[in-house]
């Protein structure tokens, strides 16, 4: 996959998380209509930039932008 496409998909993930909603990775994949692989690559892109927050609940990983939880990245 091209780097540009991963970056474009990262934008889709970022916009889905913009309002502070939290998603499991499968739920996020369905919401933005990307494959699991494309979604996780995009999440990795945003994680590298410290733009998303991960939380494990009941054995699943959830991602958010941290706004709703009052989390900040530095």
N, C-alpha and C. Protein backbone atom coordinates (compact mmCIF):
# COMPACT_ATOMS: atom_id res chain seq x y z
N UNK A 1 0.84 -1.18 0.00
CA UNK A 1 0.00 0.00 0.00
C UNK A 1 0.89 1.24 0.00
N UNK A 2 0.44 2.23 -0.70
CA UNK A 2 1.20 3.47 -0.79
C UNK A 2 1.08 4.28 0.51
N UNK A 3 2.15 4.95 0.83
CA UNK A 3 2.17 5.81 2.03
C UNK A 3 1.07 6.86 1.95
N UNK A 4 0.84 7.41 0.77
CA UNK A 4 -0.20 8.45 0.62
C UNK A 4 -1.57 7.90 0.98
N UNK A 5 -1.84 6.65 0.61
CA UNK A 5 -3.14 6.04 0.90
C UNK A 5 -3.30 5.82 2.41
N UNK A 6 -2.24 5.41 3.08
CA UNK A 6 -2.30 5.24 4.53
C UNK A 6 -2.59 6.58 5.19
N UNK A 7 -1.95 7.63 4.73
CA UNK A 7 -2.20 8.97 5.26
C UNK A 7 -3.63 9.42 5.01
N UNK A 8 -4.15 9.12 3.84
CA UNK A 8 -5.54 9.46 3.52
C UNK A 8 -6.50 8.71 4.44
N UNK A 9 -6.23 7.44 4.66
CA UNK A 9 -7.06 6.65 5.57
C UNK A 9 -6.94 7.14 7.00
N UNK A 10 -5.76 7.62 7.39
CA UNK A 10 -5.57 8.19 8.72
C UNK A 10 -6.49 9.41 8.89
N UNK A 11 -6.66 10.16 7.82
CA UNK A 11 -7.59 11.29 7.86
C UNK A 11 -9.02 10.83 8.09
N UNK A 12 -9.40 9.72 7.48
CA UNK A 12 -10.75 9.17 7.70
C UNK A 12 -10.93 8.75 9.15
N UNK A 13 -9.92 8.11 9.70
CA UNK A 13 -9.98 7.70 11.12
C UNK A 13 -10.08 8.94 12.00
N UNK A 14 -9.24 9.93 11.75
CA UNK A 14 -9.22 11.15 12.55
C UNK A 14 -10.58 11.84 12.54
N UNK A 15 -11.20 11.93 11.37
CA UNK A 15 -12.52 12.57 11.27
C UNK A 15 -13.58 11.78 12.02
N UNK A 16 -13.50 10.45 11.97
CA UNK A 16 -14.46 9.63 12.70
C UNK A 16 -14.32 9.83 14.21
N UNK A 17 -13.10 10.07 14.67
CA UNK A 17 -12.84 10.26 16.10
C UNK A 17 -12.99 11.71 16.54
N UNK A 18 -13.21 12.61 15.62
CA UNK A 18 -13.17 14.04 15.90
C UNK A 18 -14.11 14.47 17.03
N UNK A 19 -15.30 13.90 17.11
CA UNK A 19 -16.25 14.34 18.14
C UNK A 19 -16.02 13.70 19.50
N UNK A 20 -14.93 12.96 19.64
CA UNK A 20 -14.60 12.36 20.93
C UNK A 20 -15.19 10.98 21.13
N UNK A 21 -15.85 10.45 20.11
CA UNK A 21 -16.43 9.11 20.22
C UNK A 21 -15.32 8.07 20.29
N UNK A 22 -15.59 7.01 21.01
CA UNK A 22 -14.64 5.91 21.17
C UNK A 22 -15.14 4.71 20.37
N UNK A 23 -14.24 4.05 19.65
CA UNK A 23 -14.60 2.91 18.82
C UNK A 23 -13.68 1.73 19.11
N UNK A 24 -14.24 0.51 19.03
CA UNK A 24 -13.37 -0.66 18.93
C UNK A 24 -12.83 -0.65 17.51
N UNK A 25 -11.75 -1.36 17.26
CA UNK A 25 -11.17 -1.35 15.92
C UNK A 25 -12.14 -1.94 14.88
N UNK A 26 -12.80 -3.08 15.16
CA UNK A 26 -13.77 -3.57 14.17
C UNK A 26 -14.92 -2.59 13.91
N UNK A 27 -15.41 -1.95 14.97
CA UNK A 27 -16.48 -0.97 14.82
C UNK A 27 -16.01 0.22 13.98
N UNK A 28 -14.80 0.68 14.23
CA UNK A 28 -14.25 1.79 13.46
C UNK A 28 -14.09 1.41 11.99
N UNK A 29 -13.63 0.19 11.73
CA UNK A 29 -13.48 -0.28 10.35
C UNK A 29 -14.81 -0.23 9.61
N UNK A 30 -15.86 -0.68 10.27
CA UNK A 30 -17.19 -0.66 9.64
C UNK A 30 -17.68 0.78 9.44
N UNK A 31 -17.44 1.62 10.43
CA UNK A 31 -17.91 3.00 10.37
C UNK A 31 -17.31 3.76 9.21
N UNK A 32 -16.01 3.57 8.98
CA UNK A 32 -15.34 4.32 7.91
C UNK A 32 -15.19 3.51 6.63
N UNK A 33 -15.75 2.31 6.63
CA UNK A 33 -15.78 1.44 5.45
C UNK A 33 -14.39 1.15 4.89
N UNK A 34 -13.50 0.74 5.80
CA UNK A 34 -12.16 0.31 5.42
C UNK A 34 -11.94 -1.10 5.92
N UNK A 35 -11.03 -1.82 5.29
CA UNK A 35 -10.68 -3.15 5.77
C UNK A 35 -10.02 -3.03 7.14
N UNK A 36 -9.99 -4.13 7.86
CA UNK A 36 -9.32 -4.16 9.16
C UNK A 36 -7.85 -3.75 9.01
N UNK A 37 -7.20 -4.30 7.98
CA UNK A 37 -5.79 -3.98 7.75
C UNK A 37 -5.58 -2.50 7.47
N UNK A 38 -6.39 -1.92 6.59
CA UNK A 38 -6.24 -0.49 6.28
C UNK A 38 -6.51 0.38 7.50
N UNK A 39 -7.50 -0.03 8.30
CA UNK A 39 -7.82 0.73 9.52
C UNK A 39 -6.66 0.69 10.51
N UNK A 40 -6.10 -0.49 10.71
CA UNK A 40 -4.99 -0.58 11.68
C UNK A 40 -3.75 0.15 11.19
N UNK A 41 -3.49 0.14 9.90
CA UNK A 41 -2.36 0.93 9.38
C UNK A 41 -2.59 2.42 9.63
N UNK A 42 -3.81 2.88 9.42
CA UNK A 42 -4.14 4.28 9.64
C UNK A 42 -4.03 4.64 11.12
N UNK A 43 -4.48 3.74 11.99
CA UNK A 43 -4.36 3.96 13.44
C UNK A 43 -2.89 4.05 13.82
N UNK A 44 -2.07 3.20 13.25
CA UNK A 44 -0.63 3.26 13.51
C UNK A 44 -0.03 4.60 13.12
N UNK A 45 -0.46 5.12 12.00
CA UNK A 45 0.00 6.44 11.52
C UNK A 45 -0.31 7.50 12.58
N UNK A 46 -1.56 7.51 13.04
CA UNK A 46 -1.98 8.50 14.03
C UNK A 46 -1.30 8.27 15.38
N UNK A 47 -1.08 7.02 15.74
CA UNK A 47 -0.40 6.71 17.00
C UNK A 47 1.02 7.25 16.97
N UNK A 48 1.68 7.10 15.84
CA UNK A 48 3.05 7.60 15.70
C UNK A 48 3.11 9.11 15.90
N UNK A 49 2.03 9.78 15.53
CA UNK A 49 1.95 11.23 15.68
C UNK A 49 1.35 11.64 17.03
N UNK A 50 1.13 10.66 17.92
CA UNK A 50 0.54 10.91 19.25
C UNK A 50 -0.81 11.63 19.16
N UNK A 51 -1.64 11.22 18.21
CA UNK A 51 -2.92 11.88 18.02
C UNK A 51 -4.11 11.07 18.48
N UNK A 52 -3.88 9.84 18.94
CA UNK A 52 -4.99 9.04 19.40
C UNK A 52 -4.65 8.37 20.72
N UNK A 53 -5.68 7.91 21.37
CA UNK A 53 -5.57 7.30 22.68
C UNK A 53 -6.12 5.87 22.58
N UNK A 54 -5.45 4.92 23.19
CA UNK A 54 -5.86 3.52 23.22
C UNK A 54 -6.29 3.16 24.63
N UNK A 55 -7.32 2.34 24.70
CA UNK A 55 -7.77 1.85 25.99
C UNK A 55 -8.30 0.43 25.80
N UNK A 56 -7.91 -0.47 26.69
CA UNK A 56 -8.38 -1.85 26.61
C UNK A 56 -9.56 -2.01 27.56
N UNK A 57 -10.66 -2.55 27.00
CA UNK A 57 -11.86 -2.82 27.79
C UNK A 57 -12.39 -4.19 27.42
N UNK A 58 -12.57 -5.02 28.41
CA UNK A 58 -13.13 -6.36 28.18
C UNK A 58 -12.41 -7.11 27.07
N UNK A 59 -11.10 -6.98 27.01
CA UNK A 59 -10.30 -7.71 26.04
C UNK A 59 -10.24 -7.10 24.66
N UNK A 60 -10.90 -5.98 24.43
CA UNK A 60 -10.86 -5.30 23.14
C UNK A 60 -10.11 -3.98 23.27
N UNK A 61 -9.47 -3.58 22.18
CA UNK A 61 -8.80 -2.29 22.15
C UNK A 61 -9.75 -1.26 21.56
N UNK A 62 -9.89 -0.15 22.26
CA UNK A 62 -10.71 0.96 21.80
C UNK A 62 -9.80 2.15 21.51
N UNK A 63 -10.16 2.92 20.50
CA UNK A 63 -9.39 4.11 20.15
C UNK A 63 -10.29 5.33 20.22
N UNK A 64 -9.69 6.44 20.58
CA UNK A 64 -10.40 7.73 20.61
C UNK A 64 -9.36 8.82 20.43
N UNK A 65 -9.84 10.05 20.32
CA UNK A 65 -8.90 11.16 20.25
C UNK A 65 -8.62 11.71 21.64
N UNK A 66 -9.25 11.14 22.67
CA UNK A 66 -8.98 11.54 24.04
C UNK A 66 -9.78 12.72 24.52
N UNK A 67 -10.49 13.42 23.65
CA UNK A 67 -11.22 14.63 24.06
C UNK A 67 -12.31 14.35 25.08
N UNK A 68 -13.10 13.31 24.86
CA UNK A 68 -14.20 13.02 25.76
C UNK A 68 -13.69 12.60 27.13
N UNK A 69 -12.58 11.92 27.18
CA UNK A 69 -12.03 11.48 28.45
C UNK A 69 -11.19 12.56 29.12
N UNK A 70 -11.01 13.70 28.47
CA UNK A 70 -10.19 14.76 29.04
C UNK A 70 -8.72 14.44 29.00
N UNK A 71 -8.30 13.61 28.04
CA UNK A 71 -6.90 13.20 27.92
C UNK A 71 -6.17 14.15 26.99
N UNK A 72 -4.91 14.32 27.26
CA UNK A 72 -4.09 15.19 26.42
C UNK A 72 -2.82 14.45 26.04
N UNK A 73 -2.29 14.81 24.91
CA UNK A 73 -1.09 14.18 24.41
C UNK A 73 0.02 15.21 24.40
N UNK A 74 1.22 14.75 24.64
CA UNK A 74 2.31 15.71 24.65
C UNK A 74 3.56 15.14 24.06
